[in-house]
mmCIF file of all heavy atoms, coordinates in Angstrom:
data_MODEL
# 
_entry.id   MODEL 
# 
loop_
_atom_site.group_PDB 
_atom_site.id 
_atom_site.type_symbol 
_atom_site.label_atom_id 
_atom_site.label_alt_id 
_atom_site.label_comp_id 
_atom_site.label_asym_id 
_atom_site.label_entity_id 
_atom_site.label_seq_id 
_atom_site.pdbx_PDB_ins_code 
_atom_site.Cartn_x 
_atom_site.Cartn_y 
_atom_site.Cartn_z 
_atom_site.occupancy 
_atom_site.B_iso_or_equiv 
_atom_site.pdbx_formal_charge 
_atom_site.auth_seq_id 
_atom_site.auth_comp_id 
_atom_site.auth_asym_id 
_atom_site.auth_atom_id 
_atom_site.pdbx_PDB_model_num 
ATOM 1   N N   . SER A 1 1  ? -27.280 86.297 -19.677 1.00 0.00 ? 1  SER A N   1 
ATOM 2   C CA  . SER A 1 1  ? -27.585 87.540 -20.358 1.00 0.00 ? 1  SER A CA  1 
ATOM 3   C C   . SER A 1 1  ? -27.685 88.595 -19.341 1.00 0.00 ? 1  SER A C   1 
ATOM 4   O O   . SER A 1 1  ? -27.581 88.410 -18.162 1.00 0.00 ? 1  SER A O   1 
ATOM 5   C CB  . SER A 1 1  ? -29.089 87.286 -20.856 1.00 0.00 ? 1  SER A CB  1 
ATOM 6   O OG  . SER A 1 1  ? -29.989 87.008 -19.934 1.00 0.00 ? 1  SER A OG  1 
ATOM 7   N N   . SER A 1 2  ? -27.659 89.790 -19.827 1.00 0.00 ? 2  SER A N   1 
ATOM 8   C CA  . SER A 1 2  ? -27.603 90.985 -18.988 1.00 0.00 ? 2  SER A CA  1 
ATOM 9   C C   . SER A 1 2  ? -29.047 91.209 -18.459 1.00 0.00 ? 2  SER A C   1 
ATOM 10  O O   . SER A 1 2  ? -30.100 90.681 -18.925 1.00 0.00 ? 2  SER A O   1 
ATOM 11  C CB  . SER A 1 2  ? -27.149 92.239 -19.704 1.00 0.00 ? 2  SER A CB  1 
ATOM 12  O OG  . SER A 1 2  ? -27.937 92.427 -20.878 1.00 0.00 ? 2  SER A OG  1 
ATOM 13  N N   . GLY A 1 3  ? -29.128 92.117 -17.446 1.00 0.00 ? 3  GLY A N   1 
ATOM 14  C CA  . GLY A 1 3  ? -30.428 92.434 -16.830 1.00 0.00 ? 3  GLY A CA  1 
ATOM 15  C C   . GLY A 1 3  ? -30.666 91.660 -15.585 1.00 0.00 ? 3  GLY A C   1 
ATOM 16  O O   . GLY A 1 3  ? -30.580 90.455 -15.482 1.00 0.00 ? 3  GLY A O   1 
ATOM 17  N N   . PRO A 1 4  ? -30.997 92.355 -14.481 1.00 0.00 ? 4  PRO A N   1 
ATOM 18  C CA  . PRO A 1 4  ? -31.191 91.779 -13.149 1.00 0.00 ? 4  PRO A CA  1 
ATOM 19  C C   . PRO A 1 4  ? -32.507 91.034 -13.054 1.00 0.00 ? 4  PRO A C   1 
ATOM 20  O O   . PRO A 1 4  ? -33.500 91.357 -13.809 1.00 0.00 ? 4  PRO A O   1 
ATOM 21  C CB  . PRO A 1 4  ? -31.265 92.970 -12.273 1.00 0.00 ? 4  PRO A CB  1 
ATOM 22  C CG  . PRO A 1 4  ? -31.787 94.078 -13.084 1.00 0.00 ? 4  PRO A CG  1 
ATOM 23  C CD  . PRO A 1 4  ? -31.131 93.913 -14.409 1.00 0.00 ? 4  PRO A CD  1 
ATOM 24  N N   . ARG A 1 5  ? -32.432 89.860 -12.398 1.00 0.00 ? 5  ARG A N   1 
ATOM 25  C CA  . ARG A 1 5  ? -33.709 89.096 -12.219 1.00 0.00 ? 5  ARG A CA  1 
ATOM 26  C C   . ARG A 1 5  ? -33.589 88.452 -10.875 1.00 0.00 ? 5  ARG A C   1 
ATOM 27  O O   . ARG A 1 5  ? -32.512 88.042 -10.566 1.00 0.00 ? 5  ARG A O   1 
ATOM 28  C CB  . ARG A 1 5  ? -33.945 88.137 -13.317 1.00 0.00 ? 5  ARG A CB  1 
ATOM 29  C CG  . ARG A 1 5  ? -32.783 87.174 -13.639 1.00 0.00 ? 5  ARG A CG  1 
ATOM 30  C CD  . ARG A 1 5  ? -33.045 86.232 -14.886 1.00 0.00 ? 5  ARG A CD  1 
ATOM 31  N NE  . ARG A 1 5  ? -34.191 85.399 -14.676 1.00 0.00 ? 5  ARG A NE  1 
ATOM 32  C CZ  . ARG A 1 5  ? -34.172 84.195 -14.188 1.00 0.00 ? 5  ARG A CZ  1 
ATOM 33  N NH1 . ARG A 1 5  ? -33.150 83.751 -13.688 1.00 0.00 ? 5  ARG A NH1 1 
ATOM 34  N NH2 . ARG A 1 5  ? -35.303 83.559 -14.025 1.00 0.00 ? 5  ARG A NH2 1 
ATOM 35  N N   . PRO A 1 6  ? -34.739 88.348 -10.152 1.00 0.00 ? 6  PRO A N   1 
ATOM 36  C CA  . PRO A 1 6  ? -34.669 87.671 -8.876  1.00 0.00 ? 6  PRO A CA  1 
ATOM 37  C C   . PRO A 1 6  ? -34.134 86.275 -8.927  1.00 0.00 ? 6  PRO A C   1 
ATOM 38  O O   . PRO A 1 6  ? -34.574 85.562 -9.826  1.00 0.00 ? 6  PRO A O   1 
ATOM 39  C CB  . PRO A 1 6  ? -36.114 87.780 -8.330  1.00 0.00 ? 6  PRO A CB  1 
ATOM 40  C CG  . PRO A 1 6  ? -36.912 87.931 -9.624  1.00 0.00 ? 6  PRO A CG  1 
ATOM 41  C CD  . PRO A 1 6  ? -36.055 88.634 -10.569 1.00 0.00 ? 6  PRO A CD  1 
ATOM 42  N N   . MET A 1 7  ? -33.294 85.894 -7.967  1.00 0.00 ? 7  MET A N   1 
ATOM 43  C CA  . MET A 1 7  ? -32.734 84.494 -7.968  1.00 0.00 ? 7  MET A CA  1 
ATOM 44  C C   . MET A 1 7  ? -33.317 83.707 -6.872  1.00 0.00 ? 7  MET A C   1 
ATOM 45  O O   . MET A 1 7  ? -33.467 84.151 -5.830  1.00 0.00 ? 7  MET A O   1 
ATOM 46  C CB  . MET A 1 7  ? -31.196 84.547 -8.017  1.00 0.00 ? 7  MET A CB  1 
ATOM 47  C CG  . MET A 1 7  ? -30.586 85.104 -9.317  1.00 0.00 ? 7  MET A CG  1 
ATOM 48  S SD  . MET A 1 7  ? -31.087 84.020 -10.765 1.00 0.00 ? 7  MET A SD  1 
ATOM 49  C CE  . MET A 1 7  ? -30.371 82.459 -10.239 1.00 0.00 ? 7  MET A CE  1 
ATOM 50  N N   . ASN A 1 8  ? -33.383 82.404 -7.178  1.00 0.00 ? 8  ASN A N   1 
ATOM 51  C CA  . ASN A 1 8  ? -33.811 81.491 -6.211  1.00 0.00 ? 8  ASN A CA  1 
ATOM 52  C C   . ASN A 1 8  ? -32.483 80.861 -5.656  1.00 0.00 ? 8  ASN A C   1 
ATOM 53  O O   . ASN A 1 8  ? -31.737 80.267 -6.462  1.00 0.00 ? 8  ASN A O   1 
ATOM 54  C CB  . ASN A 1 8  ? -34.694 80.300 -6.848  1.00 0.00 ? 8  ASN A CB  1 
ATOM 55  C CG  . ASN A 1 8  ? -35.042 79.242 -5.905  1.00 0.00 ? 8  ASN A CG  1 
ATOM 56  O OD1 . ASN A 1 8  ? -34.494 79.151 -4.807  1.00 0.00 ? 8  ASN A OD1 1 
ATOM 57  N ND2 . ASN A 1 8  ? -36.096 78.431 -6.330  1.00 0.00 ? 8  ASN A ND2 1 
ATOM 58  N N   . PRO A 1 9  ? -32.142 81.001 -4.343  1.00 0.00 ? 9  PRO A N   1 
ATOM 59  C CA  . PRO A 1 9  ? -30.842 80.492 -3.855  1.00 0.00 ? 9  PRO A CA  1 
ATOM 60  C C   . PRO A 1 9  ? -30.753 78.975 -3.986  1.00 0.00 ? 9  PRO A C   1 
ATOM 61  O O   . PRO A 1 9  ? -29.615 78.524 -3.903  1.00 0.00 ? 9  PRO A O   1 
ATOM 62  C CB  . PRO A 1 9  ? -30.949 80.875 -2.303  1.00 0.00 ? 9  PRO A CB  1 
ATOM 63  C CG  . PRO A 1 9  ? -32.453 81.065 -2.068  1.00 0.00 ? 9  PRO A CG  1 
ATOM 64  C CD  . PRO A 1 9  ? -32.985 81.641 -3.287  1.00 0.00 ? 9  PRO A CD  1 
ATOM 65  N N   . ALA A 1 10 ? -31.845 78.286 -4.281  1.00 0.00 ? 10 ALA A N   1 
ATOM 66  C CA  . ALA A 1 10 ? -31.718 76.820 -4.423  1.00 0.00 ? 10 ALA A CA  1 
ATOM 67  C C   . ALA A 1 10 ? -31.386 76.430 -5.820  1.00 0.00 ? 10 ALA A C   1 
ATOM 68  O O   . ALA A 1 10 ? -31.224 75.243 -6.193  1.00 0.00 ? 10 ALA A O   1 
ATOM 69  C CB  . ALA A 1 10 ? -33.056 76.125 -4.051  1.00 0.00 ? 10 ALA A CB  1 
ATOM 70  N N   . VAL A 1 11 ? -31.254 77.448 -6.695  1.00 0.00 ? 11 VAL A N   1 
ATOM 71  C CA  . VAL A 1 11 ? -30.979 77.156 -8.163  1.00 0.00 ? 11 VAL A CA  1 
ATOM 72  C C   . VAL A 1 11 ? -29.615 77.621 -8.581  1.00 0.00 ? 11 VAL A C   1 
ATOM 73  O O   . VAL A 1 11 ? -29.144 78.888 -8.365  1.00 0.00 ? 11 VAL A O   1 
ATOM 74  C CB  . VAL A 1 11 ? -32.033 77.802 -9.045  1.00 0.00 ? 11 VAL A CB  1 
ATOM 75  C CG1 . VAL A 1 11 ? -31.712 77.633 -10.555 1.00 0.00 ? 11 VAL A CG1 1 
ATOM 76  C CG2 . VAL A 1 11 ? -33.358 77.196 -8.738  1.00 0.00 ? 11 VAL A CG2 1 
ATOM 77  N N   . ASP A 1 12 ? -28.768 76.745 -9.139  1.00 0.00 ? 12 ASP A N   1 
ATOM 78  C CA  . ASP A 1 12 ? -27.542 77.132 -9.677  1.00 0.00 ? 12 ASP A CA  1 
ATOM 79  C C   . ASP A 1 12 ? -27.746 77.846 -11.057 1.00 0.00 ? 12 ASP A C   1 
ATOM 80  O O   . ASP A 1 12 ? -28.217 77.161 -11.945 1.00 0.00 ? 12 ASP A O   1 
ATOM 81  C CB  . ASP A 1 12 ? -26.614 75.866 -9.890  1.00 0.00 ? 12 ASP A CB  1 
ATOM 82  C CG  . ASP A 1 12 ? -25.243 76.232 -10.372 1.00 0.00 ? 12 ASP A CG  1 
ATOM 83  O OD1 . ASP A 1 12 ? -24.883 77.353 -10.556 1.00 0.00 ? 12 ASP A OD1 1 
ATOM 84  O OD2 . ASP A 1 12 ? -24.381 75.252 -10.529 1.00 0.00 ? 12 ASP A OD2 1 
ATOM 85  N N   . PRO A 1 13 ? -27.362 79.069 -11.156 1.00 0.00 ? 13 PRO A N   1 
ATOM 86  C CA  . PRO A 1 13 ? -27.556 79.699 -12.402 1.00 0.00 ? 13 PRO A CA  1 
ATOM 87  C C   . PRO A 1 13 ? -26.587 79.350 -13.480 1.00 0.00 ? 13 PRO A C   1 
ATOM 88  O O   . PRO A 1 13 ? -26.624 79.725 -14.661 1.00 0.00 ? 13 PRO A O   1 
ATOM 89  C CB  . PRO A 1 13 ? -27.381 81.220 -12.045 1.00 0.00 ? 13 PRO A CB  1 
ATOM 90  C CG  . PRO A 1 13 ? -26.367 81.228 -10.897 1.00 0.00 ? 13 PRO A CG  1 
ATOM 91  C CD  . PRO A 1 13 ? -26.739 80.011 -10.137 1.00 0.00 ? 13 PRO A CD  1 
ATOM 92  N N   . GLY A 1 14 ? -25.604 78.475 -13.113 1.00 0.00 ? 14 GLY A N   1 
ATOM 93  C CA  . GLY A 1 14 ? -24.662 77.990 -14.112 1.00 0.00 ? 14 GLY A CA  1 
ATOM 94  C C   . GLY A 1 14 ? -23.318 78.658 -14.010 1.00 0.00 ? 14 GLY A C   1 
ATOM 95  O O   . GLY A 1 14 ? -23.254 79.903 -13.752 1.00 0.00 ? 14 GLY A O   1 
ATOM 96  N N   . THR A 1 15 ? -22.288 78.003 -14.344 1.00 0.00 ? 15 THR A N   1 
ATOM 97  C CA  . THR A 1 15 ? -20.886 78.581 -14.330 1.00 0.00 ? 15 THR A CA  1 
ATOM 98  C C   . THR A 1 15 ? -20.404 78.458 -15.711 1.00 0.00 ? 15 THR A C   1 
ATOM 99  O O   . THR A 1 15 ? -20.390 77.314 -16.271 1.00 0.00 ? 15 THR A O   1 
ATOM 100 C CB  . THR A 1 15 ? -20.033 77.845 -13.380 1.00 0.00 ? 15 THR A CB  1 
ATOM 101 O OG1 . THR A 1 15 ? -20.636 77.866 -11.997 1.00 0.00 ? 15 THR A OG1 1 
ATOM 102 C CG2 . THR A 1 15 ? -18.621 78.435 -13.315 1.00 0.00 ? 15 THR A CG2 1 
ATOM 103 N N   . HIS A 1 16 ? -19.783 79.467 -16.201 1.00 0.00 ? 16 HIS A N   1 
ATOM 104 C CA  . HIS A 1 16 ? -19.083 79.461 -17.555 1.00 0.00 ? 16 HIS A CA  1 
ATOM 105 C C   . HIS A 1 16 ? -17.947 78.557 -17.584 1.00 0.00 ? 16 HIS A C   1 
ATOM 106 O O   . HIS A 1 16 ? -17.112 78.646 -16.716 1.00 0.00 ? 16 HIS A O   1 
ATOM 107 C CB  . HIS A 1 16 ? -18.740 80.833 -17.996 1.00 0.00 ? 16 HIS A CB  1 
ATOM 108 C CG  . HIS A 1 16 ? -17.968 80.920 -19.306 1.00 0.00 ? 16 HIS A CG  1 
ATOM 109 N ND1 . HIS A 1 16 ? -18.632 80.723 -20.427 1.00 0.00 ? 16 HIS A ND1 1 
ATOM 110 C CD2 . HIS A 1 16 ? -16.671 81.223 -19.538 1.00 0.00 ? 16 HIS A CD2 1 
ATOM 111 C CE1 . HIS A 1 16 ? -17.753 80.845 -21.420 1.00 0.00 ? 16 HIS A CE1 1 
ATOM 112 N NE2 . HIS A 1 16 ? -16.560 81.093 -20.921 1.00 0.00 ? 16 HIS A NE2 1 
ATOM 113 N N   . LEU A 1 17 ? -17.835 77.762 -18.672 1.00 0.00 ? 17 LEU A N   1 
ATOM 114 C CA  . LEU A 1 17 ? -16.690 76.838 -18.806 1.00 0.00 ? 17 LEU A CA  1 
ATOM 115 C C   . LEU A 1 17 ? -16.151 76.998 -20.224 1.00 0.00 ? 17 LEU A C   1 
ATOM 116 O O   . LEU A 1 17 ? -16.915 77.529 -21.081 1.00 0.00 ? 17 LEU A O   1 
ATOM 117 C CB  . LEU A 1 17 ? -16.995 75.334 -18.599 1.00 0.00 ? 17 LEU A CB  1 
ATOM 118 C CG  . LEU A 1 17 ? -17.398 74.947 -17.299 1.00 0.00 ? 17 LEU A CG  1 
ATOM 119 C CD1 . LEU A 1 17 ? -17.799 73.404 -17.269 1.00 0.00 ? 17 LEU A CD1 1 
ATOM 120 C CD2 . LEU A 1 17 ? -16.405 75.176 -16.181 1.00 0.00 ? 17 LEU A CD2 1 
ATOM 121 N N   . SER A 1 18 ? -14.935 76.703 -20.532 1.00 0.00 ? 18 SER A N   1 
ATOM 122 C CA  . SER A 1 18 ? -14.305 76.708 -21.813 1.00 0.00 ? 18 SER A CA  1 
ATOM 123 C C   . SER A 1 18 ? -13.472 75.522 -22.100 1.00 0.00 ? 18 SER A C   1 
ATOM 124 O O   . SER A 1 18 ? -13.172 74.787 -21.103 1.00 0.00 ? 18 SER A O   1 
ATOM 125 C CB  . SER A 1 18 ? -13.538 77.987 -22.015 1.00 0.00 ? 18 SER A CB  1 
ATOM 126 O OG  . SER A 1 18 ? -12.484 78.047 -21.141 1.00 0.00 ? 18 SER A OG  1 
ATOM 127 N N   . GLY A 1 19 ? -13.131 75.287 -23.285 1.00 0.00 ? 19 GLY A N   1 
ATOM 128 C CA  . GLY A 1 19 ? -12.247 74.152 -23.687 1.00 0.00 ? 19 GLY A CA  1 
ATOM 129 C C   . GLY A 1 19 ? -13.003 73.062 -24.322 1.00 0.00 ? 19 GLY A C   1 
ATOM 130 O O   . GLY A 1 19 ? -14.261 73.018 -24.214 1.00 0.00 ? 19 GLY A O   1 
ATOM 131 N N   . ALA A 1 20 ? -12.333 72.135 -24.876 1.00 0.00 ? 20 ALA A N   1 
ATOM 132 C CA  . ALA A 1 20 ? -13.037 71.047 -25.583 1.00 0.00 ? 20 ALA A CA  1 
ATOM 133 C C   . ALA A 1 20 ? -13.509 69.993 -24.540 1.00 0.00 ? 20 ALA A C   1 
ATOM 134 O O   . ALA A 1 20 ? -12.841 69.593 -23.540 1.00 0.00 ? 20 ALA A O   1 
ATOM 135 C CB  . ALA A 1 20 ? -11.986 70.274 -26.510 1.00 0.00 ? 20 ALA A CB  1 
ATOM 136 N N   . ALA A 1 21 ? -14.827 69.552 -24.765 1.00 0.00 ? 21 ALA A N   1 
ATOM 137 C CA  . ALA A 1 21 ? -15.385 68.455 -23.863 1.00 0.00 ? 21 ALA A CA  1 
ATOM 138 C C   . ALA A 1 21 ? -14.673 67.134 -24.219 1.00 0.00 ? 21 ALA A C   1 
ATOM 139 O O   . ALA A 1 21 ? -14.520 66.771 -25.411 1.00 0.00 ? 21 ALA A O   1 
ATOM 140 C CB  . ALA A 1 21 ? -16.858 68.315 -24.107 1.00 0.00 ? 21 ALA A CB  1 
ATOM 141 N N   . PRO A 1 22 ? -14.224 66.350 -23.169 1.00 0.00 ? 22 PRO A N   1 
ATOM 142 C CA  . PRO A 1 22 ? -13.518 65.116 -23.437 1.00 0.00 ? 22 PRO A CA  1 
ATOM 143 C C   . PRO A 1 22 ? -14.506 64.137 -24.235 1.00 0.00 ? 22 PRO A C   1 
ATOM 144 O O   . PRO A 1 22 ? -15.678 64.047 -23.906 1.00 0.00 ? 22 PRO A O   1 
ATOM 145 C CB  . PRO A 1 22 ? -13.197 64.544 -22.034 1.00 0.00 ? 22 PRO A CB  1 
ATOM 146 C CG  . PRO A 1 22 ? -13.190 65.818 -21.139 1.00 0.00 ? 22 PRO A CG  1 
ATOM 147 C CD  . PRO A 1 22 ? -14.180 66.660 -21.698 1.00 0.00 ? 22 PRO A CD  1 
ATOM 148 N N   . GLY A 1 23 ? -13.787 63.494 -25.171 1.00 0.00 ? 23 GLY A N   1 
ATOM 149 C CA  . GLY A 1 23 ? -14.679 62.531 -26.001 1.00 0.00 ? 23 GLY A CA  1 
ATOM 150 C C   . GLY A 1 23 ? -14.944 61.242 -25.196 1.00 0.00 ? 23 GLY A C   1 
ATOM 151 O O   . GLY A 1 23 ? -14.224 60.883 -24.312 1.00 0.00 ? 23 GLY A O   1 
ATOM 152 N N   . PHE A 1 24 ? -16.044 60.486 -25.660 1.00 0.00 ? 24 PHE A N   1 
ATOM 153 C CA  . PHE A 1 24 ? -16.198 59.163 -25.080 1.00 0.00 ? 24 PHE A CA  1 
ATOM 154 C C   . PHE A 1 24 ? -17.108 58.405 -26.055 1.00 0.00 ? 24 PHE A C   1 
ATOM 155 O O   . PHE A 1 24 ? -17.867 58.943 -26.857 1.00 0.00 ? 24 PHE A O   1 
ATOM 156 C CB  . PHE A 1 24 ? -16.802 59.251 -23.659 1.00 0.00 ? 24 PHE A CB  1 
ATOM 157 C CG  . PHE A 1 24 ? -18.083 60.060 -23.575 1.00 0.00 ? 24 PHE A CG  1 
ATOM 158 C CD1 . PHE A 1 24 ? -19.342 59.481 -24.032 1.00 0.00 ? 24 PHE A CD1 1 
ATOM 159 C CD2 . PHE A 1 24 ? -18.117 61.393 -23.231 1.00 0.00 ? 24 PHE A CD2 1 
ATOM 160 C CE1 . PHE A 1 24 ? -20.446 60.289 -23.933 1.00 0.00 ? 24 PHE A CE1 1 
ATOM 161 C CE2 . PHE A 1 24 ? -19.251 62.098 -23.097 1.00 0.00 ? 24 PHE A CE2 1 
ATOM 162 C CZ  . PHE A 1 24 ? -20.413 61.551 -23.594 1.00 0.00 ? 24 PHE A CZ  1 
ATOM 163 N N   . SER A 1 25 ? -17.210 57.077 -25.763 1.00 0.00 ? 25 SER A N   1 
ATOM 164 C CA  . SER A 1 25 ? -18.148 56.266 -26.588 1.00 0.00 ? 25 SER A CA  1 
ATOM 165 C C   . SER A 1 25 ? -18.721 55.223 -25.516 1.00 0.00 ? 25 SER A C   1 
ATOM 166 O O   . SER A 1 25 ? -18.003 54.473 -24.891 1.00 0.00 ? 25 SER A O   1 
ATOM 167 C CB  . SER A 1 25 ? -17.383 55.563 -27.674 1.00 0.00 ? 25 SER A CB  1 
ATOM 168 O OG  . SER A 1 25 ? -18.338 54.692 -28.392 1.00 0.00 ? 25 SER A OG  1 
ATOM 169 N N   . LEU A 1 26 ? -20.067 55.263 -25.415 1.00 0.00 ? 26 LEU A N   1 
ATOM 170 C CA  . LEU A 1 26 ? -20.654 54.377 -24.430 1.00 0.00 ? 26 LEU A CA  1 
ATOM 171 C C   . LEU A 1 26 ? -21.980 53.709 -25.083 1.00 0.00 ? 26 LEU A C   1 
ATOM 172 O O   . LEU A 1 26 ? -22.294 54.034 -26.222 1.00 0.00 ? 26 LEU A O   1 
ATOM 173 C CB  . LEU A 1 26 ? -21.037 55.148 -23.228 1.00 0.00 ? 26 LEU A CB  1 
ATOM 174 C CG  . LEU A 1 26 ? -19.913 55.632 -22.339 1.00 0.00 ? 26 LEU A CG  1 
ATOM 175 C CD1 . LEU A 1 26 ? -20.321 56.654 -21.267 1.00 0.00 ? 26 LEU A CD1 1 
ATOM 176 C CD2 . LEU A 1 26 ? -19.206 54.525 -21.641 1.00 0.00 ? 26 LEU A CD2 1 
ATOM 177 N N   . THR A 1 27 ? -22.771 52.964 -24.329 1.00 0.00 ? 27 THR A N   1 
ATOM 178 C CA  . THR A 1 27 ? -23.849 52.308 -24.853 1.00 0.00 ? 27 THR A CA  1 
ATOM 179 C C   . THR A 1 27 ? -25.175 52.927 -24.300 1.00 0.00 ? 27 THR A C   1 
ATOM 180 O O   . THR A 1 27 ? -25.256 53.039 -23.088 1.00 0.00 ? 27 THR A O   1 
ATOM 181 C CB  . THR A 1 27 ? -23.837 50.708 -24.528 1.00 0.00 ? 27 THR A CB  1 
ATOM 182 O OG1 . THR A 1 27 ? -22.663 50.265 -25.109 1.00 0.00 ? 27 THR A OG1 1 
ATOM 183 C CG2 . THR A 1 27 ? -24.985 50.119 -25.109 1.00 0.00 ? 27 THR A CG2 1 
ATOM 184 N N   . ASP A 1 28 ? -26.149 53.086 -25.162 1.00 0.00 ? 28 ASP A N   1 
ATOM 185 C CA  . ASP A 1 28 ? -27.487 53.773 -24.664 1.00 0.00 ? 28 ASP A CA  1 
ATOM 186 C C   . ASP A 1 28 ? -28.474 52.714 -24.130 1.00 0.00 ? 28 ASP A C   1 
ATOM 187 O O   . ASP A 1 28 ? -28.184 51.453 -24.159 1.00 0.00 ? 28 ASP A O   1 
ATOM 188 C CB  . ASP A 1 28 ? -28.050 54.691 -25.663 1.00 0.00 ? 28 ASP A CB  1 
ATOM 189 C CG  . ASP A 1 28 ? -28.644 53.905 -26.884 1.00 0.00 ? 28 ASP A CG  1 
ATOM 190 O OD1 . ASP A 1 28 ? -28.787 52.681 -26.878 1.00 0.00 ? 28 ASP A OD1 1 
ATOM 191 O OD2 . ASP A 1 28 ? -29.020 54.642 -27.923 1.00 0.00 ? 28 ASP A OD2 1 
ATOM 192 N N   . GLN A 1 29 ? -29.643 53.198 -23.765 1.00 0.00 ? 29 GLN A N   1 
ATOM 193 C CA  . GLN A 1 29 ? -30.640 52.284 -23.223 1.00 0.00 ? 29 GLN A CA  1 
ATOM 194 C C   . GLN A 1 29 ? -31.233 51.241 -24.235 1.00 0.00 ? 29 GLN A C   1 
ATOM 195 O O   . GLN A 1 29 ? -31.965 50.344 -23.825 1.00 0.00 ? 29 GLN A O   1 
ATOM 196 C CB  . GLN A 1 29 ? -31.782 53.093 -22.670 1.00 0.00 ? 29 GLN A CB  1 
ATOM 197 C CG  . GLN A 1 29 ? -32.586 53.890 -23.697 1.00 0.00 ? 29 GLN A CG  1 
ATOM 198 C CD  . GLN A 1 29 ? -32.105 55.365 -23.857 1.00 0.00 ? 29 GLN A CD  1 
ATOM 199 O OE1 . GLN A 1 29 ? -30.859 55.630 -23.712 1.00 0.00 ? 29 GLN A OE1 1 
ATOM 200 N NE2 . GLN A 1 29 ? -32.995 56.363 -24.082 1.00 0.00 ? 29 GLN A NE2 1 
# 
């Protein structure tokens, strides 16, 4: 979002990605 805010250098603010996420089928806990 817009608007400056102080950043913690130890935190990744995230990187924009695009495209379809690869599908998969696995087993849960």
